[in-house]
Protein backbone atom coordinates (compact mmCIF):
# COMPACT_ATOMS: atom_id res chain seq x y z
CA MET A 1 -47.82 2.49 25.33
CA LEU A 2 -51.29 2.84 26.73
CA SER A 3 -52.06 6.33 25.47
CA ASN A 4 -52.02 8.00 22.09
CA TYR A 5 -49.31 10.62 21.98
CA LYS A 6 -48.63 13.42 19.52
CA TYR A 7 -45.19 12.12 18.55
CA ASN A 8 -44.90 8.49 17.49
CA PRO A 9 -41.55 6.93 18.44
CA GLU A 10 -41.52 5.03 15.14
CA ASP A 11 -41.29 8.35 13.29
CA PHE A 12 -37.86 8.87 14.88
CA LYS A 13 -36.36 5.41 14.44
CA ASN A 14 -33.71 6.77 12.06
CA ILE A 15 -32.45 9.29 14.63
CA MET A 16 -30.06 7.79 17.17
CA ASN A 17 -31.73 7.02 20.53
CA MET A 18 -34.83 9.10 19.78
CA SER A 19 -37.28 6.24 19.23
CA ASP A 20 -36.13 4.27 22.28
CA ASP A 21 -35.95 7.28 24.59
CA LEU A 22 -39.36 8.52 23.49
CA SER A 23 -40.89 5.06 24.02
CA CYS A 24 -39.32 4.79 27.47
CA PHE A 25 -40.64 8.23 28.41
CA TYR A 26 -44.15 7.38 27.24
CA ASN A 27 -44.11 4.06 29.11
CA ALA A 28 -42.96 5.82 32.28
CA HIS A 29 -45.65 8.47 31.78
CA ASP A 30 -48.32 5.80 31.39
CA ALA A 31 -47.08 3.97 34.50
CA TYR A 32 -47.14 7.12 36.60
CA ARG A 33 -50.62 8.12 35.41
CA LYS A 34 -51.84 4.63 36.26
CA THR A 35 -50.33 4.34 39.75
CA ASN A 36 -49.48 7.88 40.98
CA GLN A 37 -46.62 6.29 42.96
CA LYS A 38 -43.55 8.34 43.87
CA SER A 39 -41.27 5.65 42.48
CA ASP A 40 -43.03 5.96 39.11
CA LEU A 41 -42.71 9.74 39.28
CA PHE A 42 -38.96 9.44 39.86
CA GLU A 43 -38.68 7.08 36.89
CA LEU A 44 -40.70 9.49 34.74
CA GLU A 45 -38.44 12.39 35.74
CA ARG A 46 -35.36 10.31 34.99
CA ARG A 47 -36.73 9.37 31.56
CA TRP A 48 -37.64 13.00 30.87
CA GLU A 49 -34.12 14.17 31.69
CA ASN A 50 -32.61 11.52 29.44
CA LEU A 51 -34.96 12.40 26.58
CA PHE A 52 -34.35 16.13 27.07
CA PHE A 53 -30.62 15.66 26.53
CA THR A 54 -31.16 13.29 23.62
CA LEU A 55 -33.28 15.97 21.96
CA LYS A 56 -30.59 18.57 22.60
CA HIS A 57 -27.82 16.35 21.22
CA ARG A 58 -29.74 15.46 18.07
CA GLU A 59 -30.61 19.12 17.55
CA VAL A 60 -27.00 20.30 17.97
CA GLU A 61 -25.77 17.54 15.65
CA GLY A 62 -28.24 18.69 13.01
CA ASN A 63 -30.17 15.41 13.00
CA LEU A 64 -33.33 17.01 14.35
CA ASN A 65 -34.89 20.25 13.17
CA PRO A 66 -34.68 22.86 15.99
CA ILE A 67 -38.32 23.86 15.54
CA ILE A 68 -39.49 20.26 15.85
CA ALA A 69 -37.16 19.66 18.80
CA GLN A 70 -38.63 22.67 20.62
CA ASP A 71 -42.17 21.59 19.82
CA ILE A 72 -41.43 18.11 21.22
CA ARG A 73 -39.90 19.61 24.38
CA THR A 74 -42.91 21.89 24.89
CA TYR A 75 -45.31 18.99 24.36
CA LEU A 76 -43.43 16.73 26.79
CA GLU A 77 -43.14 19.49 29.40
CA ASP A 78 -46.92 19.88 29.23
CA LEU A 79 -47.28 16.13 29.82
CA MET A 80 -45.07 16.41 32.91
CA GLN A 81 -47.46 18.87 34.58
């Protein structure tokens, strides 16, 4: 990761897929910010969608607090703009 982000993927390593999906999203975000290429935007959108559903699944399973999950979603949506 090139940038400092609010949510550290390491903080979620005990929650299935969260750490990896968050890292992949951040890497895609960094790549898009660096290049502004459409292909990087498509990858970022794909990573966002995957992370969105991971957040939802972990929230529904009870492995992620709903308030934290919503805060993460809001933060990541702001990054996408």
